[in-house]
Amino acid sequence: MRLGVMVNLRSDVEESFRQLKETGLSGCQLCGWDESLFTPEIAAKVKAHTEALGVKISTFWCGWPGPKVWDFYDGQLTLGLVPPEYRYVRAETLKKGSDFAKLLGVNQIATHAGFIPENPRDPCYLGIAAALKDVVAYCVKNGQKFLFETGQETPVTLRRLMDDLGKENVGVNLDPANLLLYGKANPVDALDIIGAYVMDIHAKDGEYPVDGRNLGVEKPLGKGRVNFPRLIARLKELGYDGPVTIEREISGEEQRKDILEAIKFLTPLIGAP
């Protein structure tokens, strides 16, 4: 396994990668929500800086346009490919993200698909699956794997959806904290269902929800309910030897401090960064 940090795509990409190198790591996921930046010019800048600094991008995490509310009420109506009114345009954005990742030489893209219905005969489920088949097939043409970030769906629902897509290039971007924040599963137990599909990992920690409206609270690594020693050991048992991407969804000096502490916490569990 190798440690990395989440890096946000922005116009001044050099600053993003400078901050990454200050951590002492050379791996990252690149996260892009602004599709106006998915251009050959920005891709060239990213490649120039990653090559100069010796940085490897494991996965391009692709966002999508339109409203997004991270809770259990409006989140059901706004996130991912679930809302029918946004489904087509978001699928097209994911294709643009795939093309952008190809320009970068990155062979994995990831995203949140949304609150996937647990009922496989729900008309919404069938519509989501059809849109995803189109996106996944597009990724095949670009020589890429398409990864689902965990969280808004149960592991069983995610496994069913991947099986229904019937493509060898689908996998999981495991975010163990999200499984807790959304109240969907114990992260270690979830690996019994989706562990064989894990192709990238967000090292993030958090707590279960305490009410029916709001997500659980994200915490610094080692301060939440994710049992990272057991999780990493189980991933090793499953043969996972890929990226472990530290994600701390705050900003400023506290974020930098928590990332450095996370490196110290994870290094003895996985080996050298």
Protein backbone atom coordinates (compact mmCIF):
# COMPACT_ATOMS: atom_id res chain seq x y z
CA MET A 1 0.00 0.00 0.00
CA ARG A 2 1.08 3.59 -0.55
CA LEU A 3 -0.09 6.78 1.13
CA GLY A 4 -1.45 9.81 -0.68
CA VAL A 5 -3.57 12.90 -0.03
CA MET A 6 -6.69 14.28 -1.71
CA VAL A 7 -5.83 17.24 -3.95
CA ASN A 8 -8.46 19.62 -5.34
CA LEU A 9 -8.33 20.60 -9.01
CA ARG A 10 -8.22 24.38 -9.40
CA SER A 11 -6.81 26.88 -11.86
CA ASP A 12 -3.65 27.42 -9.77
CA VAL A 13 -2.76 23.74 -9.76
CA GLU A 14 0.85 24.43 -8.84
CA GLU A 15 -0.24 25.52 -5.34
CA SER A 16 -2.26 22.35 -4.81
CA PHE A 17 0.69 20.12 -5.62
CA ARG A 18 3.13 22.27 -3.65
CA GLN A 19 1.01 21.70 -0.56
CA LEU A 20 0.96 17.97 -1.29
CA LYS A 21 4.75 17.79 -1.45
CA GLU A 22 4.99 19.63 1.88
CA THR A 23 3.42 16.56 3.49
CA GLY A 24 6.33 14.43 2.27
CA LEU A 25 4.03 12.24 0.15
CA SER A 26 4.00 11.83 -3.62
CA GLY A 27 0.61 10.20 -4.24
CA CYS A 28 -2.86 11.69 -4.52
CA GLN A 29 -6.36 11.52 -5.81
CA LEU A 30 -7.24 14.58 -7.88
CA CYS A 31 -10.77 15.85 -7.16
CA GLY A 32 -12.55 18.06 -9.69
CA TRP A 33 -16.01 19.59 -9.31
CA ASP A 34 -15.65 22.41 -11.86
CA GLU A 35 -15.94 20.92 -15.32
CA SER A 36 -14.79 24.20 -16.90
CA LEU A 37 -11.33 23.07 -15.76
CA PHE A 38 -11.55 19.75 -17.63
CA THR A 39 -9.51 21.14 -20.52
CA PRO A 40 -6.35 20.13 -22.39
CA GLU A 41 -4.66 23.30 -21.09
CA ILE A 42 -5.33 22.48 -17.43
CA ALA A 43 -4.40 18.84 -18.04
CA ALA A 44 -1.06 19.96 -19.46
CA LYS A 45 -0.42 22.11 -16.38
CA VAL A 46 -1.30 19.23 -14.05
CA LYS A 47 0.97 16.84 -15.93
CA ALA A 48 3.84 19.32 -15.91
CA HIS A 49 3.63 19.80 -12.14
CA THR A 50 3.12 16.14 -11.27
CA GLU A 51 6.04 15.10 -13.46
CA ALA A 52 8.30 17.84 -12.05
CA LEU A 53 7.45 16.88 -8.47
CA GLY A 54 7.33 13.12 -8.96
CA VAL A 55 3.63 12.96 -8.01
CA LYS A 56 1.41 10.04 -9.09
CA ILE A 57 -2.38 10.51 -9.40
CA SER A 58 -4.13 7.25 -8.54
CA THR A 59 -7.70 8.30 -9.40
CA PHE A 60 -9.53 11.32 -10.79
CA TRP A 61 -12.53 11.96 -8.53
CA CYS A 62 -15.17 13.57 -10.72
CA GLY A 63 -17.96 15.74 -9.38
CA TRP A 64 -21.09 16.82 -11.22
CA PRO A 65 -23.14 20.02 -11.70
CA GLY A 66 -26.34 21.07 -10.01
CA PRO A 67 -27.52 21.18 -6.40
CA LYS A 68 -26.03 18.94 -3.72
CA VAL A 69 -27.20 18.71 -0.13
CA TRP A 70 -25.34 16.33 2.17
CA ASP A 71 -28.14 15.11 4.44
CA PHE A 72 -30.77 12.36 4.56
CA TYR A 73 -33.66 14.46 3.23
CA ASP A 74 -32.61 16.76 0.41
CA GLY A 75 -29.60 14.54 -0.28
CA GLN A 76 -31.99 11.89 -1.58
CA LEU A 77 -33.24 14.43 -4.15
CA THR A 78 -30.00 16.10 -5.21
CA LEU A 79 -27.00 13.77 -5.13
CA GLY A 80 -25.38 11.77 -7.91
CA LEU A 81 -27.30 10.17 -10.77
CA VAL A 82 -30.39 9.51 -8.65
CA PRO A 83 -32.39 12.71 -9.51
CA PRO A 84 -33.88 12.08 -12.98
CA GLU A 85 -33.81 15.78 -13.89
CA TYR A 86 -30.01 15.92 -13.52
CA ARG A 87 -29.12 12.39 -14.59
CA TYR A 88 -28.29 13.00 -18.26
CA VAL A 89 -26.20 16.13 -17.77
CA ARG A 90 -24.30 14.55 -14.89
CA ALA A 91 -23.58 11.43 -16.90
CA GLU A 92 -22.20 13.67 -19.64
CA THR A 93 -20.01 15.46 -17.08
CA LEU A 94 -18.64 12.11 -15.92
CA LYS A 95 -17.72 11.37 -19.53
CA LYS A 96 -15.91 14.71 -19.72
CA GLY A 97 -14.13 13.75 -16.53
CA SER A 98 -13.13 10.46 -18.13
CA ASP A 99 -11.67 12.32 -21.11
CA PHE A 100 -9.82 14.68 -18.77
CA ALA A 101 -8.40 11.77 -16.80
CA LYS A 102 -7.24 10.20 -20.04
CA LEU A 103 -5.33 13.38 -20.88
CA LEU A 104 -3.65 13.05 -17.48
CA GLY A 105 -2.79 9.40 -18.06
CA VAL A 106 -5.00 8.36 -15.13
CA ASN A 107 -6.80 5.05 -15.54
CA GLN A 108 -9.43 5.34 -12.77
CA ILE A 109 -12.27 7.78 -12.18
CA ALA A 110 -14.54 7.82 -9.13
CA THR A 111 -17.70 9.56 -7.98
CA HIS A 112 -20.73 9.37 -5.70
CA ALA A 113 -23.65 7.77 -7.52
CA GLY A 114 -26.14 9.00 -4.91
CA PHE A 115 -28.70 7.30 -2.69
CA ILE A 116 -29.15 4.19 -4.83
CA PRO A 117 -32.55 2.58 -4.12
CA GLU A 118 -32.33 -0.75 -2.31
CA ASN A 119 -35.23 -2.12 -4.33
CA PRO A 120 -33.75 -3.40 -7.65
CA ARG A 121 -37.20 -3.17 -9.26
CA ASP A 122 -37.63 0.50 -8.37
CA PRO A 123 -37.95 2.42 -11.69
CA CYS A 124 -35.38 4.88 -10.37
CA TYR A 125 -32.89 2.04 -9.85
CA LEU A 126 -33.37 0.88 -13.42
CA GLY A 127 -32.82 4.42 -14.76
CA ILE A 128 -29.66 4.89 -12.71
CA ALA A 129 -28.29 1.54 -13.88
CA ALA A 130 -28.96 2.43 -17.52
CA ALA A 131 -27.14 5.77 -17.19
CA LEU A 132 -24.21 4.14 -15.43
CA LYS A 133 -23.90 1.45 -18.09
CA ASP A 134 -23.39 4.23 -20.61
CA VAL A 135 -20.75 5.96 -18.46
CA VAL A 136 -18.95 2.73 -17.62
CA ALA A 137 -18.84 1.73 -21.29
CA TYR A 138 -17.36 5.16 -22.07
CA CYS A 139 -14.65 4.53 -19.49
CA VAL A 140 -13.89 1.20 -21.18
CA LYS A 141 -13.12 3.10 -24.40
CA ASN A 142 -10.73 5.31 -22.45
CA GLY A 143 -9.03 2.32 -20.84
CA GLN A 144 -10.30 3.19 -17.37
CA LYS A 145 -11.97 1.69 -14.35
CA PHE A 146 -15.07 3.37 -12.91
CA LEU A 147 -15.17 3.46 -9.09
CA PHE A 148 -18.14 4.02 -6.80
CA GLU A 149 -17.31 5.90 -3.63
CA THR A 150 -19.05 4.22 -0.72
CA GLY A 151 -21.46 5.88 1.64
CA GLN A 152 -24.91 6.73 0.37
CA GLU A 153 -25.89 3.13 -0.36
CA THR A 154 -25.60 -0.09 1.60
CA PRO A 155 -22.76 -2.42 0.59
CA VAL A 156 -25.33 -4.98 -0.60
CA THR A 157 -27.02 -2.41 -2.84
CA LEU A 158 -23.66 -1.32 -4.26
CA ARG A 159 -22.63 -4.93 -4.89
CA ARG A 160 -25.93 -5.62 -6.66
CA LEU A 161 -25.54 -2.54 -8.86
CA MET A 162 -22.02 -3.50 -9.88
CA ASP A 163 -23.18 -7.04 -10.65
CA ASP A 164 -26.08 -5.67 -12.71
CA LEU A 165 -23.71 -3.46 -14.71
CA GLY A 166 -21.87 -6.61 -15.71
CA LYS A 167 -18.61 -4.84 -16.56
CA GLU A 168 -15.13 -5.85 -15.50
CA ASN A 169 -14.01 -2.22 -15.15
CA VAL A 170 -16.24 -1.32 -12.17
CA GLY A 171 -14.88 -1.11 -8.65
CA VAL A 172 -15.06 0.59 -5.28
CA ASN A 173 -13.43 3.70 -3.89
CA LEU A 174 -13.74 2.65 -0.26
CA ASP A 175 -14.49 5.52 2.12
CA PRO A 176 -14.84 3.78 5.49
CA ALA A 177 -15.93 6.94 7.27
CA ASN A 178 -18.81 7.46 4.85
CA LEU A 179 -20.20 4.02 5.67
CA LEU A 180 -20.47 5.32 9.25
CA LEU A 181 -21.52 8.91 8.47
CA TYR A 182 -24.45 7.64 6.40
CA GLY A 183 -25.26 4.85 8.86
CA LYS A 184 -24.91 2.16 6.20
CA ALA A 185 -22.39 -0.36 7.56
CA ASN A 186 -19.46 -1.18 9.77
CA PRO A 187 -16.50 -0.62 7.42
CA VAL A 188 -14.65 -3.81 8.35
CA ASP A 189 -17.76 -5.98 7.92
CA ALA A 190 -18.55 -4.26 4.61
CA LEU A 191 -15.37 -5.75 3.15
CA ASP A 192 -17.00 -9.19 3.26
CA ILE A 193 -19.41 -7.90 0.61
CA ILE A 194 -17.41 -5.41 -1.49
CA GLY A 195 -13.80 -6.01 -0.43
CA ALA A 196 -12.81 -7.76 -3.64
CA TYR A 197 -13.85 -4.66 -5.62
CA VAL A 198 -11.77 -2.10 -3.67
CA MET A 199 -9.38 -0.22 -5.98
CA ASP A 200 -8.72 2.97 -4.01
CA ILE A 201 -9.31 4.07 -0.44
CA HIS A 202 -10.14 7.30 1.34
CA ALA A 203 -8.48 7.28 4.74
CA LYS A 204 -11.13 9.21 6.65
CA ASP A 205 -12.74 8.78 10.07
CA GLY A 206 -16.08 9.65 11.60
CA GLU A 207 -19.09 8.72 13.70
CA TYR A 208 -22.53 7.22 13.10
CA PRO A 209 -25.48 9.64 12.78
CA VAL A 210 -27.28 10.59 15.99
CA ASP A 211 -30.58 11.60 14.34
CA GLY A 212 -32.57 10.83 11.22
CA ARG A 213 -31.82 13.99 9.27
CA ASN A 214 -28.12 14.75 9.53
CA LEU A 215 -25.04 12.74 8.65
CA GLY A 216 -22.59 11.66 11.30
CA VAL A 217 -19.62 13.87 12.10
CA GLU A 218 -16.24 13.51 10.38
CA LYS A 219 -13.31 13.22 12.79
CA PRO A 220 -9.51 13.32 12.57
CA LEU A 221 -8.06 9.93 11.72
CA GLY A 222 -7.99 7.67 14.75
CA LYS A 223 -10.54 9.79 16.64
CA GLY A 224 -13.68 8.26 15.14
CA ARG A 225 -15.28 4.82 14.95
CA VAL A 226 -13.31 3.36 12.02
CA ASN A 227 -11.10 0.56 13.32
CA PHE A 228 -8.15 1.21 11.01
CA PRO A 229 -5.88 -1.54 12.36
CA ARG A 230 -8.55 -4.16 11.63
CA LEU A 231 -9.55 -2.50 8.36
CA ILE A 232 -6.00 -2.40 6.98
CA ALA A 233 -5.32 -5.96 8.16
CA ARG A 234 -8.50 -7.21 6.42
CA LEU A 235 -7.60 -5.37 3.21
CA LYS A 236 -4.18 -7.03 3.26
CA GLU A 237 -5.88 -10.41 3.70
CA LEU A 238 -7.91 -9.64 0.59
CA GLY A 239 -4.72 -8.85 -1.33
CA TYR A 240 -5.22 -5.09 -1.57
CA ASP A 241 -1.92 -3.30 -2.17
CA GLY A 242 -3.06 -0.04 -3.75
CA PRO A 243 -3.41 3.64 -2.78
CA VAL A 244 -4.58 4.88 0.61
CA THR A 245 -5.66 8.51 0.10
CA ILE A 246 -5.94 10.69 3.20
CA GLU A 247 -9.03 12.90 3.08
CA ARG A 248 -9.88 15.51 5.73
CA GLU A 249 -12.90 17.56 4.69
CA ILE A 250 -12.06 20.79 6.46
CA SER A 251 -9.68 23.58 5.43
CA GLY A 252 -6.86 25.72 6.75
CA GLU A 253 -4.15 24.98 9.26
CA GLU A 254 -6.24 22.42 11.15
CA GLN A 255 -6.64 20.37 7.97
CA ARG A 256 -2.86 20.41 7.40
CA LYS A 257 -2.21 19.39 11.01
CA ASP A 258 -4.72 16.53 10.84
CA ILE A 259 -3.22 15.27 7.56
CA LEU A 260 0.27 15.17 9.08
CA GLU A 261 -1.09 13.32 12.12
CA ALA A 262 -2.89 10.90 9.80
CA ILE A 263 0.40 10.09 8.06
CA LYS A 264 1.96 9.25 11.42
CA PHE A 265 -1.06 7.14 12.35
CA LEU A 266 -1.23 5.17 9.10
CA THR A 267 2.46 4.63 8.32
CA PRO A 268 3.05 1.82 10.85
CA LEU A 269 -0.19 0.12 9.73
CA ILE A 270 0.57 0.01 6.03
CA GLY A 271 4.37 0.39 5.90
CA ALA A 272 6.44 3.21 4.44
CA PRO A 273 4.51 6.00 2.59
